[in-house]
């Protein structure tokens, strides 16, 4: 998430693993994954119990405007 201190997949995973709560987990947003350069192979390694949602965005291939 570029607007927080959680900017890597490893940080996000450590957060949800540490919390270990049944009502929490990761929402994987392809826009953030793609633009942050996270290899899809790394996403595939995330244990499925921590993935609660996947968002397939319809954003432009290139950033339009500013964040």
Protein backbone atom coordinates (compact mmCIF):
# COMPACT_ATOMS: atom_id res chain seq x y z
CA UNK A 1 0.00 0.00 0.00
CA UNK A 2 1.85 3.11 -1.14
CA UNK A 3 0.07 5.41 1.30
CA UNK A 4 1.11 3.57 4.48
CA UNK A 5 4.07 1.95 6.18
CA UNK A 6 3.04 -1.41 4.68
CA UNK A 7 4.82 -1.16 1.34
CA UNK A 8 5.99 -4.70 0.68
CA UNK A 9 4.36 -8.09 0.47
CA UNK A 10 6.71 -9.39 3.18
CA UNK A 11 5.68 -6.61 5.57
CA UNK A 12 1.98 -7.21 4.91
CA UNK A 13 2.37 -10.94 5.37
CA UNK A 14 4.30 -10.49 8.63
CA UNK A 15 1.52 -8.22 9.88
CA UNK A 16 -1.30 -10.68 9.24
CA UNK A 17 0.75 -13.66 10.42
CA UNK A 18 1.59 -11.82 13.63
CA UNK A 19 -2.02 -10.81 14.23
CA UNK A 20 -3.18 -14.38 13.51
CA UNK A 21 -6.85 -13.41 13.56
CA UNK A 22 -9.59 -15.29 11.71
CA UNK A 23 -11.25 -12.06 10.57
CA UNK A 24 -8.14 -10.53 9.00
CA UNK A 25 -5.91 -11.12 6.02
CA UNK A 26 -4.58 -9.71 2.78
CA UNK A 27 -6.48 -8.11 -0.06
CA UNK A 28 -4.21 -8.53 -3.06
CA UNK A 29 -4.80 -5.74 -5.55
CA UNK A 30 -3.22 -6.40 -8.95
CA UNK A 31 -2.74 -2.63 -9.48
CA UNK A 32 -0.50 -2.41 -6.42
CA UNK A 33 1.23 -5.74 -7.08
CA UNK A 34 2.04 -4.83 -10.68
CA UNK A 35 3.13 -1.26 -10.06
CA UNK A 36 5.28 -2.15 -7.06
CA UNK A 37 7.20 -4.76 -9.07
CA UNK A 38 6.26 -7.72 -6.88
CA UNK A 39 6.93 -10.89 -8.88
CA UNK A 40 3.80 -12.98 -9.32
CA UNK A 41 5.79 -15.97 -8.09
CA UNK A 42 6.10 -14.25 -4.72
CA UNK A 43 2.35 -13.68 -4.59
CA UNK A 44 1.84 -17.38 -5.32
CA UNK A 45 3.89 -18.24 -2.21
CA UNK A 46 1.49 -16.45 0.15
CA UNK A 47 -0.27 -19.08 2.28
CA UNK A 48 -3.90 -19.22 1.15
CA UNK A 49 -5.26 -18.80 4.68
CA UNK A 50 -3.97 -15.21 4.63
CA UNK A 51 -5.60 -14.22 1.33
CA UNK A 52 -9.13 -12.95 1.98
CA UNK A 53 -9.71 -11.08 -1.28
CA UNK A 54 -8.19 -10.42 -4.70
CA UNK A 55 -8.97 -7.26 -6.62
CA UNK A 56 -8.61 -7.28 -10.39
CA UNK A 57 -8.46 -3.62 -11.33
CA UNK A 58 -9.36 -1.97 -14.56
CA UNK A 59 -6.73 0.75 -14.20
CA UNK A 60 -4.77 2.06 -17.17
CA UNK A 61 -1.48 0.35 -17.96
CA UNK A 62 0.32 3.62 -17.25
CA UNK A 63 -0.35 5.91 -14.30
CA UNK A 64 -2.69 8.76 -15.24
CA UNK A 65 -2.27 11.90 -13.16
CA UNK A 66 -0.63 11.83 -9.77
CA UNK A 67 -1.14 9.68 -6.75
